[in-house]
C-alpha atoms as a PDB file:
ATOM      1  CA  UNK A   1     148.595  91.384  27.667  1.00  0.00           C
ATOM      2  CA  UNK A   2     146.427  91.563  30.785  1.00  0.00           C
ATOM      3  CA  UNK A   3     142.952  90.095  30.884  1.00  0.00           C
ATOM      4  CA  UNK A   4     140.171  91.565  32.997  1.00  0.00           C
ATOM      5  CA  UNK A   5     136.919  89.592  33.245  1.00  0.00           C
ATOM      6  CA  UNK A   6     133.582  90.703  34.602  1.00  0.00           C
ATOM      7  CA  UNK A   7     131.542  87.686  35.674  1.00  0.00           C
ATOM      8  CA  UNK A   8     127.948  88.893  35.815  1.00  0.00           C
ATOM      9  CA  UNK A   9     124.758  87.240  36.955  1.00  0.00           C
ATOM     10  CA  UNK A  10     123.008  89.384  34.363  1.00  0.00           C
ATOM     11  CA  UNK A  11     121.860  88.403  30.891  1.00  0.00           C
ATOM     12  CA  UNK A  12     124.400  86.989  28.428  1.00  0.00           C
ATOM     13  CA  UNK A  13     122.784  89.148  25.720  1.00  0.00           C
ATOM     14  CA  UNK A  14     124.903  91.995  27.102  1.00  0.00           C
ATOM     15  CA  UNK A  15     128.196  90.082  26.801  1.00  0.00           C
ATOM     16  CA  UNK A  16     131.030  92.061  25.245  1.00  0.00           C
ATOM     17  CA  UNK A  17     134.762  91.865  24.625  1.00  0.00           C
ATOM     18  CA  UNK A  18     137.156  94.688  23.854  1.00  0.00           C
ATOM     19  CA  UNK A  19     140.881  95.251  23.512  1.00  0.00           C
ATOM     20  CA  UNK A  20     142.219  98.555  24.827  1.00  0.00           C
ATOM     21  CA  UNK A  21     145.585 100.115  25.561  1.00  0.00           C
ATOM     22  CA  UNK A  22     146.033 102.080  28.775  1.00  0.00           C
ATOM     23  CA  UNK A  23     149.291 103.613  29.961  1.00  0.00           C
ATOM     24  CA  UNK A  24     151.200 101.510  27.427  1.00  0.00           C
ATOM     25  CA  UNK A  25     149.627  98.240  28.570  1.00  0.00           C
ATOM     26  CA  UNK A  26     147.287  96.133  26.432  1.00  0.00           C
ATOM     27  CA  UNK A  27     144.116  94.782  28.008  1.00  0.00           C
ATOM     28  CA  UNK A  28     141.502  92.259  26.993  1.00  0.00           C
ATOM     29  CA  UNK A  29     138.323  93.365  28.764  1.00  0.00           C
ATOM     30  CA  UNK A  30     135.497  90.850  28.810  1.00  0.00           C
ATOM     31  CA  UNK A  31     132.011  90.589  30.290  1.00  0.00           C
ATOM     32  CA  UNK A  32     130.453  87.122  30.738  1.00  0.00           C
ATOM     33  CA  UNK A  33     126.814  86.883  31.821  1.00  0.00           C
ATOM     34  CA  UNK A  34     125.291  83.798  33.445  1.00  0.00           C
ATOM     35  CA  UNK A  35     121.570  84.632  33.098  1.00  0.00           C
ATOM     36  CA  UNK A  36     121.011  84.708  36.830  1.00  0.00           C
ATOM     37  CA  UNK A  37     122.764  81.382  37.459  1.00  0.00           C
ATOM     38  CA  UNK A  38     124.715  81.963  40.666  1.00  0.00           C
ATOM     39  CA  UNK A  39     126.317  78.523  40.625  1.00  0.00           C
ATOM     40  CA  UNK A  40     127.627  79.058  37.076  1.00  0.00           C
ATOM     41  CA  UNK A  41     129.027  82.454  38.070  1.00  0.00           C
ATOM     42  CA  UNK A  42     130.806  80.898  41.050  1.00  0.00           C
ATOM     43  CA  UNK A  43     132.165  78.120  38.788  1.00  0.00           C
ATOM     44  CA  UNK A  44     133.507  80.636  36.235  1.00  0.00           C
ATOM     45  CA  UNK A  45     135.256  82.657  38.933  1.00  0.00           C
ATOM     46  CA  UNK A  46     136.787  79.508  40.399  1.00  0.00           C
ATOM     47  CA  UNK A  47     137.998  78.284  36.977  1.00  0.00           C
ATOM     48  CA  UNK A  48     139.510  81.637  35.960  1.00  0.00           C
ATOM     49  CA  UNK A  49     140.999  82.356  39.392  1.00  0.00           C
ATOM     50  CA  UNK A  50     144.726  82.997  39.076  1.00  0.00           C
ATOM     51  CA  UNK A  51     144.546  83.195  35.269  1.00  0.00           C
ATOM     52  CA  UNK A  52     143.299  86.780  34.923  1.00  0.00           C
ATOM     53  CA  UNK A  53     144.625  90.076  36.278  1.00  0.00           C
ATOM     54  CA  UNK A  54     141.410  91.079  38.034  1.00  0.00           C
ATOM     55  CA  UNK A  55     137.730  90.157  38.270  1.00  0.00           C
ATOM     56  CA  UNK A  56     134.767  92.455  38.138  1.00  0.00           C
ATOM     57  CA  UNK A  57     131.650  91.144  39.844  1.00  0.00           C
ATOM     58  CA  UNK A  58     128.702  92.252  37.714  1.00  0.00           C
ATOM     59  CA  UNK A  59     124.955  92.266  38.121  1.00  0.00           C
ATOM     60  CA  UNK A  60     125.296  92.170  41.900  1.00  0.00           C
ATOM     61  CA  UNK A  61     126.907  94.361  44.546  1.00  0.00           C
ATOM     62  CA  UNK A  62     129.064  93.120  47.382  1.00  0.00           C
ATOM     63  CA  UNK A  63     127.641  95.792  49.662  1.00  0.00           C
ATOM     64  CA  UNK A  64     124.956  98.398  49.970  1.00  0.00           C
ATOM     65  CA  UNK A  65     125.711 101.692  51.646  1.00  0.00           C
ATOM     66  CA  UNK A  66     123.792 104.261  53.653  1.00  0.00           C
ATOM     67  CA  UNK A  67     125.692 107.031  55.388  1.00  0.00           C
ATOM     68  CA  UNK A  68     128.745 105.500  57.017  1.00  0.00           C
ATOM     69  CA  UNK A  69     127.137 102.066  57.330  1.00  0.00           C
ATOM     70  CA  UNK A  70     127.990  99.207  54.982  1.00  0.00           C
ATOM     71  CA  UNK A  71     125.867  96.080  54.666  1.00  0.00           C
ATOM     72  CA  UNK A  72     127.237  92.911  53.048  1.00  0.00           C
ATOM     73  CA  UNK A  73     124.959  91.115  50.561  1.00  0.00           C
ATOM     74  CA  UNK A  74     124.893  87.411  51.414  1.00  0.00           C
ATOM     75  CA  UNK A  75     124.734  86.070  47.831  1.00  0.00           C
ATOM     76  CA  UNK A  76     127.678  88.186  46.664  1.00  0.00           C
ATOM     77  CA  UNK A  77     129.839  87.072  49.601  1.00  0.00           C
ATOM     78  CA  UNK A  78     129.646  83.493  48.366  1.00  0.00           C
ATOM     79  CA  UNK A  79     130.516  84.524  44.808  1.00  0.00           C
ATOM     80  CA  UNK A  80     133.476  86.707  45.746  1.00  0.00           C
ATOM     81  CA  UNK A  81     134.903  84.012  48.022  1.00  0.00           C
ATOM     82  CA  UNK A  82     135.434  81.826  44.927  1.00  0.00           C
ATOM     83  CA  UNK A  83     138.357  84.086  43.956  1.00  0.00           C
ATOM     84  CA  UNK A  84     141.251  82.797  46.059  1.00  0.00           C
ATOM     85  CA  UNK A  85     144.141  84.375  44.134  1.00  0.00           C
ATOM     86  CA  UNK A  86     142.802  87.007  41.719  1.00  0.00           C
ATOM     87  CA  UNK A  87     141.500  90.297  43.152  1.00  0.00           C
ATOM     88  CA  UNK A  88     137.748  90.788  42.713  1.00  0.00           C
ATOM     89  CA  UNK A  89     135.839  94.075  42.891  1.00  0.00           C
ATOM     90  CA  UNK A  90     132.202  95.089  42.391  1.00  0.00           C
ATOM     91  CA  UNK A  91     132.704  98.716  41.360  1.00  0.00           C
ATOM     92  CA  UNK A  92     131.866 100.213  44.749  1.00  0.00           C
ATOM     93  CA  UNK A  93     135.307 101.813  44.957  1.00  0.00           C
ATOM     94  CA  UNK A  94     134.530 103.797  41.822  1.00  0.00           C
ATOM     95  CA  UNK A  95     130.943 104.502  42.777  1.00  0.00           C
ATOM     96  CA  UNK A  96     132.302 106.425  45.751  1.00  0.00           C
ATOM     97  CA  UNK A  97     134.867 108.279  43.636  1.00  0.00           C
ATOM     98  CA  UNK A  98     134.179 108.450  39.892  1.00  0.00           C
ATOM     99  CA  UNK A  99     130.400 108.683  40.232  1.00  0.00           C
ATOM    100  CA  UNK A 100     130.759 111.415  42.816  1.00  0.00           C
ATOM    101  CA  UNK A 101     133.010 113.336  40.423  1.00  0.00           C
ATOM    102  CA  UNK A 102     130.581 113.002  37.493  1.00  0.00           C
ATOM    103  CA  UNK A 103     128.170 115.420  39.195  1.00  0.00           C
ATOM    104  CA  UNK A 104     130.904 118.049  39.188  1.00  0.00           C
ATOM    105  CA  UNK A 105     131.672 117.168  35.551  1.00  0.00           C
ATOM    106  CA  UNK A 106     128.053 117.829  34.575  1.00  0.00           C
ATOM    107  CA  UNK A 107     128.265 121.357  35.937  1.00  0.00           C
ATOM    108  CA  UNK A 108     131.795 122.389  34.981  1.00  0.00           C
ATOM    109  CA  UNK A 109     132.165 120.648  31.605  1.00  0.00           C
ATOM    110  CA  UNK A 110     128.588 120.542  30.323  1.00  0.00           C
ATOM    111  CA  UNK A 111     127.262 123.689  31.941  1.00  0.00           C
ATOM    112  CA  UNK A 112     124.286 121.765  33.329  1.00  0.00           C
ATOM    113  CA  UNK A 113     123.303 123.347  36.623  1.00  0.00           C
ATOM    114  CA  UNK A 114     121.460 120.847  38.820  1.00  0.00           C
ATOM    115  CA  UNK A 115     120.367 123.379  41.431  1.00  0.00           C
ATOM    116  CA  UNK A 116     116.562 123.221  41.677  1.00  0.00           C
ATOM    117  CA  UNK A 117     116.423 120.600  38.897  1.00  0.00           C
ATOM    118  CA  UNK A 118     114.096 117.674  39.572  1.00  0.00           C
ATOM    119  CA  UNK A 119     116.192 114.508  39.876  1.00  0.00           C
ATOM    120  CA  UNK A 120     114.972 110.934  40.309  1.00  0.00           C
ATOM    121  CA  UNK A 121     117.697 108.660  41.676  1.00  0.00           C
ATOM    122  CA  UNK A 122     116.239 105.176  41.245  1.00  0.00           C
ATOM    123  CA  UNK A 123     118.442 103.676  43.974  1.00  0.00           C
ATOM    124  CA  UNK A 124     120.967 105.293  46.287  1.00  0.00           C
ATOM    125  CA  UNK A 125     122.279 102.431  48.420  1.00  0.00           C
ATOM    126  CA  UNK A 126     124.274 101.045  45.461  1.00  0.00           C
ATOM    127  CA  UNK A 127     125.714 104.429  44.446  1.00  0.00           C
ATOM    128  CA  UNK A 128     125.936 106.427  47.623  1.00  0.00           C
ATOM    129  CA  UNK A 129     128.725 108.652  46.289  1.00  0.00           C
ATOM    130  CA  UNK A 130     126.447 109.877  43.519  1.00  0.00           C
ATOM    131  CA  UNK A 131     123.587 110.272  45.993  1.00  0.00           C
ATOM    132  CA  UNK A 132     125.661 112.484  48.292  1.00  0.00           C
ATOM    133  CA  UNK A 133     126.909 114.597  45.389  1.00  0.00           C
ATOM    134  CA  UNK A 134     123.357 115.071  44.100  1.00  0.00           C
ATOM    135  CA  UNK A 135     122.154 116.065  47.560  1.00  0.00           C
ATOM    136  CA  UNK A 136     124.978 118.602  47.780  1.00  0.00           C
ATOM    137  CA  UNK A 137     124.002 120.058  44.376  1.00  0.00           C
ATOM    138  CA  UNK A 138     120.778 121.424  45.921  1.00  0.00           C
ATOM    139  CA  UNK A 139     118.586 119.675  43.379  1.00  0.00           C
ATOM    140  CA  UNK A 140     115.008 118.618  44.100  1.00  0.00           C
ATOM    141  CA  UNK A 141     115.809 114.970  44.780  1.00  0.00           C
ATOM    142  CA  UNK A 142     113.574 111.902  44.952  1.00  0.00           C
ATOM    143  CA  UNK A 143     115.297 108.679  46.062  1.00  0.00           C
ATOM    144  CA  UNK A 144     113.591 105.537  44.801  1.00  0.00           C
ATOM    145  CA  UNK A 145     115.125 102.638  46.766  1.00  0.00           C
ATOM    146  CA  UNK A 146     111.862 101.577  48.383  1.00  0.00           C
ATOM    147  CA  UNK A 147     109.997 101.889  45.081  1.00  0.00           C
ATOM    148  CA  UNK A 148     112.372 100.247  42.632  1.00  0.00           C
ATOM    149  CA  UNK A 149     114.033  97.628  44.845  1.00  0.00           C
ATOM    150  CA  UNK A 150     111.140  96.683  47.124  1.00  0.00           C
ATOM    151  CA  UNK A 151     108.083  97.802  45.122  1.00  0.00           C
ATOM    152  CA  UNK A 152     106.790 100.055  47.903  1.00  0.00           C
ATOM    153  CA  UNK A 153     105.154 103.335  46.736  1.00  0.00           C
ATOM    154  CA  UNK A 154     107.219 105.445  49.124  1.00  0.00           C
ATOM    155  CA  UNK A 155     109.535 108.101  47.660  1.00  0.00           C
ATOM    156  CA  UNK A 156     112.326 109.333  49.923  1.00  0.00           C
ATOM    157  CA  UNK A 157     113.239 113.004  49.853  1.00  0.00           C
ATOM    158  CA  UNK A 158     116.552 113.103  51.714  1.00  0.00           C
ATOM    159  CA  UNK A 159     119.606 111.043  52.565  1.00  0.00           C
ATOM    160  CA  UNK A 160     118.629 111.284  56.211  1.00  0.00           C
ATOM    161  CA  UNK A 161     115.345 109.539  55.403  1.00  0.00           C
ATOM    162  CA  UNK A 162     117.276 106.876  53.474  1.00  0.00           C
ATOM    163  CA  UNK A 163     119.625 106.310  56.423  1.00  0.00           C
ATOM    164  CA  UNK A 164     116.704 105.819  58.806  1.00  0.00           C
ATOM    165  CA  UNK A 165     115.002 103.337  56.491  1.00  0.00           C
ATOM    166  CA  UNK A 166     118.279 101.512  55.771  1.00  0.00           C
ATOM    167  CA  UNK A 167     118.970 100.865  59.445  1.00  0.00           C
ATOM    168  CA  UNK A 168     115.714  98.910  59.607  1.00  0.00           C
ATOM    169  CA  UNK A 169     115.453  97.378  56.132  1.00  0.00           C
ATOM    170  CA  UNK A 170     119.062  96.787  55.018  1.00  0.00           C
ATOM    171  CA  UNK A 171     119.964  94.002  57.514  1.00  0.00           C
ATOM    172  CA  UNK A 172     116.918  92.083  56.242  1.00  0.00           C
ATOM    173  CA  UNK A 173     117.299  92.930  52.536  1.00  0.00           C
ATOM    174  CA  UNK A 174     120.917  91.761  52.268  1.00  0.00           C
ATOM    175  CA  UNK A 175     119.864  88.266  53.382  1.00  0.00           C
ATOM    176  CA  UNK A 176     117.225  87.899  50.664  1.00  0.00           C
ATOM    177  CA  UNK A 177     117.964  86.124  47.365  1.00  0.00           C
ATOM    178  CA  UNK A 178     119.408  88.859  45.193  1.00  0.00           C
ATOM    179  CA  UNK A 179     116.894  88.380  42.362  1.00  0.00           C
ATOM    180  CA  UNK A 180     114.211  89.656  44.739  1.00  0.00           C
ATOM    181  CA  UNK A 181     115.999  93.011  44.959  1.00  0.00           C
ATOM    182  CA  UNK A 182     117.365  93.513  41.452  1.00  0.00           C
ATOM    183  CA  UNK A 183     116.541  92.314  37.897  1.00  0.00           C
ATOM    184  CA  UNK A 184     118.796  89.440  36.875  1.00  0.00           C
ATOM    185  CA  UNK A 185     118.988  87.165  33.827  1.00  0.00           C
ATOM    186  CA  UNK A 186     116.095  87.539  31.376  1.00  0.00           C
ATOM    187  CA  UNK A 187     114.413  90.098  33.650  1.00  0.00           C
ATOM    188  CA  UNK A 188     117.039  92.587  32.480  1.00  0.00           C
ATOM    189  CA  UNK A 189     115.560  92.788  28.983  1.00  0.00           C
ATOM    190  CA  UNK A 190     111.809  92.537  29.396  1.00  0.00           C
ATOM    191  CA  UNK A 191     109.911  94.071  26.483  1.00  0.00           C
ATOM    192  CA  UNK A 192     107.180  95.821  28.440  1.00  0.00           C
ATOM    193  CA  UNK A 193     108.416  98.153  31.199  1.00  0.00           C
ATOM    194  CA  UNK A 194     106.531  98.440  34.457  1.00  0.00           C
ATOM    195  CA  UNK A 195     104.496 101.644  34.689  1.00  0.00           C
ATOM    196  CA  UNK A 196     103.785 101.703  38.419  1.00  0.00           C
ATOM    197  CA  UNK A 197     106.134 104.626  39.076  1.00  0.00           C
ATOM    198  CA  UNK A 198     105.911 106.354  35.689  1.00  0.00           C
ATOM    199  CA  UNK A 199     104.726 109.589  37.287  1.00  0.00           C
ATOM    200  CA  UNK A 200     108.142 110.074  38.874  1.00  0.00           C
ATOM    201  CA  UNK A 201     109.808 109.815  35.452  1.00  0.00           C
ATOM    202  CA  UNK A 202     107.331 112.366  34.118  1.00  0.00           C
ATOM    203  CA  UNK A 203     108.107 114.677  37.033  1.00  0.00           C
ATOM    204  CA  UNK A 204     111.894 114.455  36.750  1.00  0.00           C
ATOM    205  CA  UNK A 205     114.251 116.461  34.559  1.00  0.00           C
ATOM    206  CA  UNK A 206     117.080 113.977  35.252  1.00  0.00           C
ATOM    207  CA  UNK A 207     116.759 110.241  35.860  1.00  0.00           C
ATOM    208  CA  UNK A 208     119.871 108.838  37.519  1.00  0.00           C
ATOM    209  CA  UNK A 209     121.202 105.517  38.764  1.00  0.00           C
ATOM    210  CA  UNK A 210     121.465 101.901  37.717  1.00  0.00           C
ATOM    211  CA  UNK A 211     120.371 101.386  34.112  1.00  0.00           C
ATOM    212  CA  UNK A 212     118.464  98.125  34.707  1.00  0.00           C
ATOM    213  CA  UNK A 213     116.311  99.813  37.340  1.00  0.00           C
ATOM    214  CA  UNK A 214     115.802 102.771  34.998  1.00  0.00           C
ATOM    215  CA  UNK A 215     114.956 100.634  31.965  1.00  0.00           C
ATOM    216  CA  UNK A 216     112.586  98.254  33.745  1.00  0.00           C
ATOM    217  CA  UNK A 217     110.307 101.172  34.697  1.00  0.00           C
ATOM    218  CA  UNK A 218     110.995 103.612  31.848  1.00  0.00           C
ATOM    219  CA  UNK A 219     107.769 104.962  30.259  1.00  0.00           C
ATOM    220  CA  UNK A 220     107.303 105.284  26.506  1.00  0.00           C
ATOM    221  CA  UNK A 221     107.594 109.065  26.620  1.00  0.00           C
ATOM    222  CA  UNK A 222     110.960 110.326  27.872  1.00  0.00           C
ATOM    223  CA  UNK A 223     110.894 113.513  25.815  1.00  0.00           C
ATOM    224  CA  UNK A 224     113.590 115.965  26.823  1.00  0.00           C
ATOM    225  CA  UNK A 225     114.913 113.918  29.746  1.00  0.00           C
ATOM    226  CA  UNK A 226     118.541 113.527  30.792  1.00  0.00           C
ATOM    227  CA  UNK A 227     119.619 110.025  31.817  1.00  0.00           C
ATOM    228  CA  UNK A 228     122.668 109.685  34.079  1.00  0.00           C
ATOM    229  CA  UNK A 229     123.625 106.038  34.408  1.00  0.00           C
ATOM    230  CA  UNK A 230     126.312 103.380  34.072  1.00  0.00           C
ATOM    231  CA  UNK A 231     126.424 100.445  31.634  1.00  0.00           C
ATOM    232  CA  UNK A 232     124.619 100.853  28.307  1.00  0.00           C
ATOM    233  CA  UNK A 233     124.791  98.972  25.017  1.00  0.00           C
ATOM    234  CA  UNK A 234     124.036 100.320  21.548  1.00  0.00           C
ATOM    235  CA  UNK A 235     120.555  98.752  21.799  1.00  0.00           C
ATOM    236  CA  UNK A 236     119.976 100.619  25.065  1.00  0.00           C
ATOM    237  CA  UNK A 237     120.995 103.874  23.399  1.00  0.00           C
ATOM    238  CA  UNK A 238     118.639 103.193  20.489  1.00  0.00           C
ATOM    239  CA  UNK A 239     115.706 102.561  22.856  1.00  0.00           C
ATOM    240  CA  UNK A 240     116.377 105.771  24.767  1.00  0.00           C
ATOM    241  CA  UNK A 241     116.552 107.728  21.529  1.00  0.00           C
ATOM    242  CA  UNK A 242     113.240 106.267  20.364  1.00  0.00           C
ATOM    243  CA  UNK A 243     111.583 107.330  23.625  1.00  0.00           C
ATOM    244  CA  UNK A 244     112.849 110.890  23.326  1.00  0.00           C
ATOM    245  CA  UNK A 245     115.725 110.972  25.838  1.00  0.00           C
ATOM    246  CA  UNK A 246     117.607 114.181  25.093  1.00  0.00           C
ATOM    247  CA  UNK A 247     120.950 113.607  26.819  1.00  0.00           C
ATOM    248  CA  UNK A 248     122.701 110.430  27.916  1.00  0.00           C
ATOM    249  CA  UNK A 249     125.572 110.622  30.396  1.00  0.00           C
ATOM    250  CA  UNK A 250     127.385 107.511  31.580  1.00  0.00           C
ATOM    251  CA  UNK A 251     129.906 107.642  34.402  1.00  0.00           C
ATOM    252  CA  UNK A 252     132.237 105.284  32.519  1.00  0.00           C
ATOM    253  CA  UNK A 253     133.654 105.928  29.037  1.00  0.00           C
ATOM    254  CA  UNK A 254     133.049 104.068  25.806  1.00  0.00           C
ATOM    255  CA  UNK A 255     135.301 101.006  25.502  1.00  0.00           C
ATOM    256  CA  UNK A 256     135.033  99.128  22.224  1.00  0.00           C
ATOM    257  CA  UNK A 257     131.522 100.341  21.415  1.00  0.00           C
ATOM    258  CA  UNK A 258     129.810 100.374  24.815  1.00  0.00           C
ATOM    259  CA  UNK A 259     130.053 101.702  28.348  1.00  0.00           C
ATOM    260  CA  UNK A 260     131.262  98.963  30.653  1.00  0.00           C
ATOM    261  CA  UNK A 261     130.134  98.854  34.265  1.00  0.00           C
ATOM    262  CA  UNK A 262     131.991 100.389  37.167  1.00  0.00           C
ATOM    263  CA  UNK A 263     133.019  96.890  38.268  1.00  0.00           C
ATOM    264  CA  UNK A 264     134.952  96.468  35.005  1.00  0.00           C
ATOM    265  CA  UNK A 265     136.637  99.857  35.205  1.00  0.00           C
ATOM    266  CA  UNK A 266     137.583  99.294  38.838  1.00  0.00           C
ATOM    267  CA  UNK A 267     139.051  95.896  37.901  1.00  0.00           C
ATOM    268  CA  UNK A 268     141.140  97.593  35.190  1.00  0.00           C
ATOM    269  CA  UNK A 269     142.453 100.111  37.731  1.00  0.00           C
ATOM    270  CA  UNK A 270     143.299  97.306  40.184  1.00  0.00           C
ATOM    271  CA  UNK A 271     145.232  95.538  37.411  1.00  0.00           C
ATOM    272  CA  UNK A 272     147.124  98.742  36.616  1.00  0.00           C
ATOM    273  CA  UNK A 273     147.898  99.566  40.243  1.00  0.00           C
ATOM    274  CA  UNK A 274     149.234  96.078  40.996  1.00  0.00           C
ATOM    275  CA  UNK A 275     148.626  96.560  44.714  1.00  0.00           C
ATOM    276  CA  UNK A 276     146.655  94.452  47.175  1.00  0.00           C
ATOM    277  CA  UNK A 277     143.057  95.662  47.295  1.00  0.00           C
ATOM    278  CA  UNK A 278     143.367  96.320  51.018  1.00  0.00           C
ATOM    279  CA  UNK A 279     146.106  98.866  50.268  1.00  0.00           C
ATOM    280  CA  UNK A 280     144.238 100.733  47.516  1.00  0.00           C
ATOM    281  CA  UNK A 281     142.677 104.039  48.569  1.00  0.00           C
ATOM    282  CA  UNK A 282     140.109 106.306  46.851  1.00  0.00           C
ATOM    283  CA  UNK A 283     143.020 108.653  46.096  1.00  0.00           C
ATOM    284  CA  UNK A 284     144.753 105.858  44.165  1.00  0.00           C
ATOM    285  CA  UNK A 285     141.658 105.486  42.013  1.00  0.00           C
ATOM    286  CA  UNK A 286     141.321 109.227  41.433  1.00  0.00           C
ATOM    287  CA  UNK A 287     144.988 109.599  40.533  1.00  0.00           C
ATOM    288  CA  UNK A 288     144.822 106.671  38.119  1.00  0.00           C
ATOM    289  CA  UNK A 289     141.634 107.991  36.494  1.00  0.00           C
ATOM    290  CA  UNK A 290     143.388 111.289  35.851  1.00  0.00           C
ATOM    291  CA  UNK A 291     146.456 109.543  34.417  1.00  0.00           C
ATOM    292  CA  UNK A 292     144.429 107.559  31.894  1.00  0.00           C
ATOM    293  CA  UNK A 293     142.028 110.472  31.314  1.00  0.00           C
ATOM    294  CA  UNK A 294     138.821 108.514  31.830  1.00  0.00           C
ATOM    295  CA  UNK A 295     135.955 110.894  31.156  1.00  0.00           C
ATOM    296  CA  UNK A 296     132.214 110.336  31.356  1.00  0.00           C
ATOM    297  CA  UNK A 297     130.479 109.527  28.076  1.00  0.00           C
ATOM    298  CA  UNK A 298     127.999 112.149  26.873  1.00  0.00           C
ATOM    299  CA  UNK A 299     125.627 111.808  23.926  1.00  0.00           C
ATOM    300  CA  UNK A 300     122.963 114.212  22.680  1.00  0.00           C
ATOM    301  CA  UNK A 301     120.487 111.727  21.293  1.00  0.00           C
ATOM    302  CA  UNK A 302     117.973 114.020  19.591  1.00  0.00           C
ATOM    303  CA  UNK A 303     120.262 116.300  17.579  1.00  0.00           C
ATOM    304  CA  UNK A 304     120.301 115.934  13.785  1.00  0.00           C
ATOM    305  CA  UNK A 305     123.563 114.010  14.120  1.00  0.00           C
ATOM    306  CA  UNK A 306     123.617 112.656  17.667  1.00  0.00           C
ATOM    307  CA  UNK A 307     127.260 113.019  18.624  1.00  0.00           C
ATOM    308  CA  UNK A 308     129.185 111.437  21.433  1.00  0.00           C
ATOM    309  CA  UNK A 309     131.303 114.012  23.224  1.00  0.00           C
ATOM    310  CA  UNK A 310     133.781 111.551  24.710  1.00  0.00           C
ATOM    311  CA  UNK A 311     134.716 108.357  22.906  1.00  0.00           C
ATOM    312  CA  UNK A 312     135.239 107.322  19.347  1.00  0.00           C
ATOM    313  CA  UNK A 313     131.734 106.568  18.136  1.00  0.00           C
ATOM    314  CA  UNK A 314     129.099 108.839  16.675  1.00  0.00           C
ATOM    315  CA  UNK A 315     125.523 107.757  16.218  1.00  0.00           C
ATOM    316  CA  UNK A 316     123.978 109.352  13.120  1.00  0.00           C
END
C-alpha cells in the first residue's frame, strides 16, 4: 500500500485520512496541518522523507504564475528542500491542467455557459490555468489578486493587467512571510468573514478560486451563486448551503468524504506514474486523470435533496 501525505501549514481542524484504490493500487491519503508552524511542517517532511510515496505541500504554493513568468515563493522553497528523497509537489501541475479542463467540463457536462456571466476569480496567480480558461470563455471577469492577497481595493479586469502588476509586485511579494499573503493556521476558520469586498460577491454569478480566500470574505447572503473552488470539508459545504450557494463545483473529486487539494491529487498521480518529477509532463497528468476517471465534484446545495453528481455521498 502506498502512502501519500500532504503536509500543510493550514489549520489541523481540516486534517483528514482516506483509503482509496486507484488502478488496482491501494493508497493511504493523509493531510496533516501544522497551524501555520513552518518549522513543524519542515520537521514533518524531513521525518517522513523516504518513507512515503509522495508529498503534497499544502497551504502554500511553491510558485505564483503570471503569463509565462514563474516566481518562486521564498518560504515554500525552504519547506520543499526538506524532502531529499521523496518527490514533493504543490498542485501547480494540476492547476495548469485539471483546473483548466474544469471550465470545459462546466460547459459540456453541466450545460453552464459562462459567456457573459459575471465571474469573480479571487486570485489568479495561484491558478493561472483556470484564469486563462475563464478569460477564453468570454465571461465578464474580475480578478481579485490585489484585493484578496494584498488588501488593495483594485479589481483587475484582464490577464494583461494582471501580468503588468505581477512584473512589479510579484518579485517583492514572494519574499514576504507567506502568512502576509494568505490565511494560515487559525486564520483559515475565522467566524466573522471580512466584508470589505462583499460588493464583488454580490455582483458575481460565479465565485471562483482558492476556498480560503473565498470563505474569508464570503458575505452572509450568497443566494443563487455558483462556487468553483478546490478543497472543501463537510462543514464548508454546510456553511455554503446556509448562505444560499446554489451550486458547488470542486476541481478535485470526493475522496473519503471530502475534496482534497490539488497538491494531494498531484502527489497521487506522481506516485502512480513512478517517474522523476522532472520527466513528468502535463500530458502525463492528463492521461492519468483520464485513466482513473477523476471528475470534478458537483453538488446542487439548495435542491430538496442536495445531490452530489460525482462521488459517493449525498447530502440530504
